[in-house]
Amino acid sequence: MSKIKLTKSMGMILLGIWLILTGLIPVLKLNFSGFPVIMEVLAIAAGVLILLGR
């Protein structure tokens, strides 16, 4: 996979990770104090990269 292709799909990769974690949190009952902040930052980063076309 070329470097250009990887950076173009980085937003989609982050979105995929966010969706998987969002689904696993209730199933596995994951919970720690910093988890909501991590999920919010991941969602914002994915959204920005998708809007920028990366």
N, C-alpha and C. Protein backbone atom coordinates (compact mmCIF):
# COMPACT_ATOMS: atom_id res chain seq x y z
N MET A 1 0.85 -1.17 0.00
CA MET A 1 0.00 0.00 0.00
C MET A 1 0.89 1.24 0.00
N SER A 2 0.62 2.14 -0.90
CA SER A 2 1.46 3.33 -0.99
C SER A 2 1.14 4.32 0.13
N LYS A 3 2.08 5.20 0.38
CA LYS A 3 1.92 6.19 1.44
C LYS A 3 0.75 7.13 1.14
N ILE A 4 0.58 7.49 -0.12
CA ILE A 4 -0.51 8.39 -0.51
C ILE A 4 -1.86 7.74 -0.24
N LYS A 5 -2.00 6.49 -0.60
CA LYS A 5 -3.27 5.77 -0.39
C LYS A 5 -3.59 5.68 1.09
N LEU A 6 -2.59 5.44 1.93
CA LEU A 6 -2.81 5.32 3.37
C LEU A 6 -3.29 6.64 3.95
N THR A 7 -2.70 7.76 3.56
CA THR A 7 -3.12 9.04 4.12
C THR A 7 -4.50 9.44 3.61
N LYS A 8 -4.87 9.05 2.41
CA LYS A 8 -6.19 9.38 1.90
C LYS A 8 -7.28 8.65 2.65
N SER A 9 -7.00 7.47 3.18
CA SER A 9 -8.02 6.70 3.86
C SER A 9 -7.90 6.77 5.38
N MET A 10 -7.04 7.65 5.90
CA MET A 10 -6.84 7.73 7.34
C MET A 10 -8.12 8.12 8.07
N GLY A 11 -8.90 9.03 7.52
CA GLY A 11 -10.16 9.41 8.13
C GLY A 11 -11.13 8.24 8.23
N MET A 12 -11.18 7.44 7.18
CA MET A 12 -12.06 6.27 7.19
C MET A 12 -11.57 5.21 8.17
N ILE A 13 -10.25 5.07 8.30
CA ILE A 13 -9.70 4.12 9.27
C ILE A 13 -10.06 4.56 10.68
N LEU A 14 -9.90 5.85 10.99
CA LEU A 14 -10.27 6.35 12.31
C LEU A 14 -11.77 6.20 12.56
N LEU A 15 -12.57 6.44 11.54
CA LEU A 15 -14.01 6.27 11.68
C LEU A 15 -14.35 4.81 11.97
N GLY A 16 -13.69 3.90 11.27
CA GLY A 16 -13.91 2.48 11.51
C GLY A 16 -13.54 2.07 12.93
N ILE A 17 -12.41 2.58 13.42
CA ILE A 17 -11.99 2.28 14.79
C ILE A 17 -13.01 2.83 15.78
N TRP A 18 -13.48 4.04 15.53
CA TRP A 18 -14.47 4.65 16.42
C TRP A 18 -15.77 3.83 16.45
N LEU A 19 -16.22 3.40 15.27
CA LEU A 19 -17.45 2.61 15.21
C LEU A 19 -17.30 1.27 15.93
N ILE A 20 -16.17 0.61 15.75
CA ILE A 20 -15.93 -0.67 16.41
C ILE A 20 -15.90 -0.49 17.92
N LEU A 21 -15.16 0.52 18.39
CA LEU A 21 -15.09 0.76 19.84
C LEU A 21 -16.45 1.14 20.41
N THR A 22 -17.22 1.94 19.66
CA THR A 22 -18.55 2.32 20.12
C THR A 22 -19.44 1.09 20.28
N GLY A 23 -19.29 0.13 19.41
CA GLY A 23 -20.07 -1.11 19.52
C GLY A 23 -19.57 -2.03 20.61
N LEU A 24 -18.25 -2.05 20.84
CA LEU A 24 -17.69 -2.96 21.84
C LEU A 24 -17.84 -2.47 23.28
N ILE A 25 -17.92 -1.18 23.48
CA ILE A 25 -17.99 -0.63 24.84
C ILE A 25 -19.15 -1.24 25.64
N PRO A 26 -20.38 -1.21 25.12
CA PRO A 26 -21.46 -1.80 25.92
C PRO A 26 -21.38 -3.32 26.02
N VAL A 27 -20.93 -3.96 24.97
CA VAL A 27 -20.87 -5.43 24.96
C VAL A 27 -19.86 -5.94 25.97
N LEU A 28 -18.67 -5.33 26.00
CA LEU A 28 -17.61 -5.77 26.90
C LEU A 28 -17.62 -5.02 28.24
N LYS A 29 -18.56 -4.10 28.38
CA LYS A 29 -18.69 -3.29 29.59
C LYS A 29 -17.37 -2.59 29.95
N LEU A 30 -16.74 -2.02 28.92
CA LEU A 30 -15.50 -1.27 29.13
C LEU A 30 -15.83 0.07 29.76
N ASN A 31 -15.06 0.43 30.77
CA ASN A 31 -15.31 1.71 31.42
C ASN A 31 -14.07 2.16 32.20
N PHE A 32 -13.55 3.30 31.87
CA PHE A 32 -12.54 3.96 32.66
C PHE A 32 -12.68 5.46 32.46
N SER A 33 -12.12 6.24 33.33
CA SER A 33 -12.41 7.67 33.40
C SER A 33 -12.08 8.44 32.13
N GLY A 34 -11.05 8.08 31.39
CA GLY A 34 -10.65 8.83 30.21
C GLY A 34 -11.28 8.37 28.92
N PHE A 35 -12.09 7.33 28.96
CA PHE A 35 -12.63 6.75 27.74
C PHE A 35 -13.51 7.70 26.93
N PRO A 36 -14.42 8.45 27.56
CA PRO A 36 -15.25 9.37 26.76
C PRO A 36 -14.42 10.42 26.03
N VAL A 37 -13.38 10.92 26.66
CA VAL A 37 -12.54 11.94 26.02
C VAL A 37 -11.81 11.33 24.82
N ILE A 38 -11.30 10.13 24.97
CA ILE A 38 -10.62 9.45 23.87
C ILE A 38 -11.57 9.26 22.69
N MET A 39 -12.80 8.84 22.97
CA MET A 39 -13.78 8.62 21.91
C MET A 39 -14.15 9.93 21.22
N GLU A 40 -14.26 11.01 21.99
CA GLU A 40 -14.60 12.31 21.40
C GLU A 40 -13.47 12.82 20.50
N VAL A 41 -12.24 12.69 20.95
CA VAL A 41 -11.09 13.12 20.15
C VAL A 41 -10.98 12.29 18.88
N LEU A 42 -11.20 10.98 18.99
CA LEU A 42 -11.15 10.09 17.84
C LEU A 42 -12.22 10.47 16.82
N ALA A 43 -13.43 10.78 17.29
CA ALA A 43 -14.52 11.18 16.39
C ALA A 43 -14.20 12.49 15.69
N ILE A 44 -13.67 13.46 16.43
CA ILE A 44 -13.33 14.75 15.83
C ILE A 44 -12.22 14.59 14.79
N ALA A 45 -11.20 13.81 15.13
CA ALA A 45 -10.09 13.60 14.19
C ALA A 45 -10.58 12.92 12.92
N ALA A 46 -11.43 11.91 13.05
CA ALA A 46 -11.96 11.21 11.88
C ALA A 46 -12.77 12.17 11.02
N GLY A 47 -13.63 12.96 11.65
CA GLY A 47 -14.46 13.90 10.90
C GLY A 47 -13.64 14.94 10.16
N VAL A 48 -12.64 15.48 10.81
CA VAL A 48 -11.78 16.50 10.16
C VAL A 48 -11.04 15.89 8.97
N LEU A 49 -10.47 14.70 9.16
CA LEU A 49 -9.72 14.07 8.06
C LEU A 49 -10.63 13.72 6.89
N ILE A 50 -11.84 13.27 7.19
CA ILE A 50 -12.78 12.94 6.10
C ILE A 50 -13.16 14.22 5.35
N LEU A 51 -13.44 15.30 6.07
CA LEU A 51 -13.79 16.55 5.41
C LEU A 51 -12.64 17.12 4.59
N LEU A 52 -11.42 16.90 5.05
CA LEU A 52 -10.26 17.38 4.30
C LEU A 52 -9.90 16.46 3.13
N GLY A 53 -10.56 15.33 3.05
CA GLY A 53 -10.30 14.39 1.97
C GLY A 53 -9.08 13.54 2.19
N ARG A 54 -8.68 13.35 3.42
CA ARG A 54 -7.52 12.53 3.74
C ARG A 54 -8.01 11.29 4.38
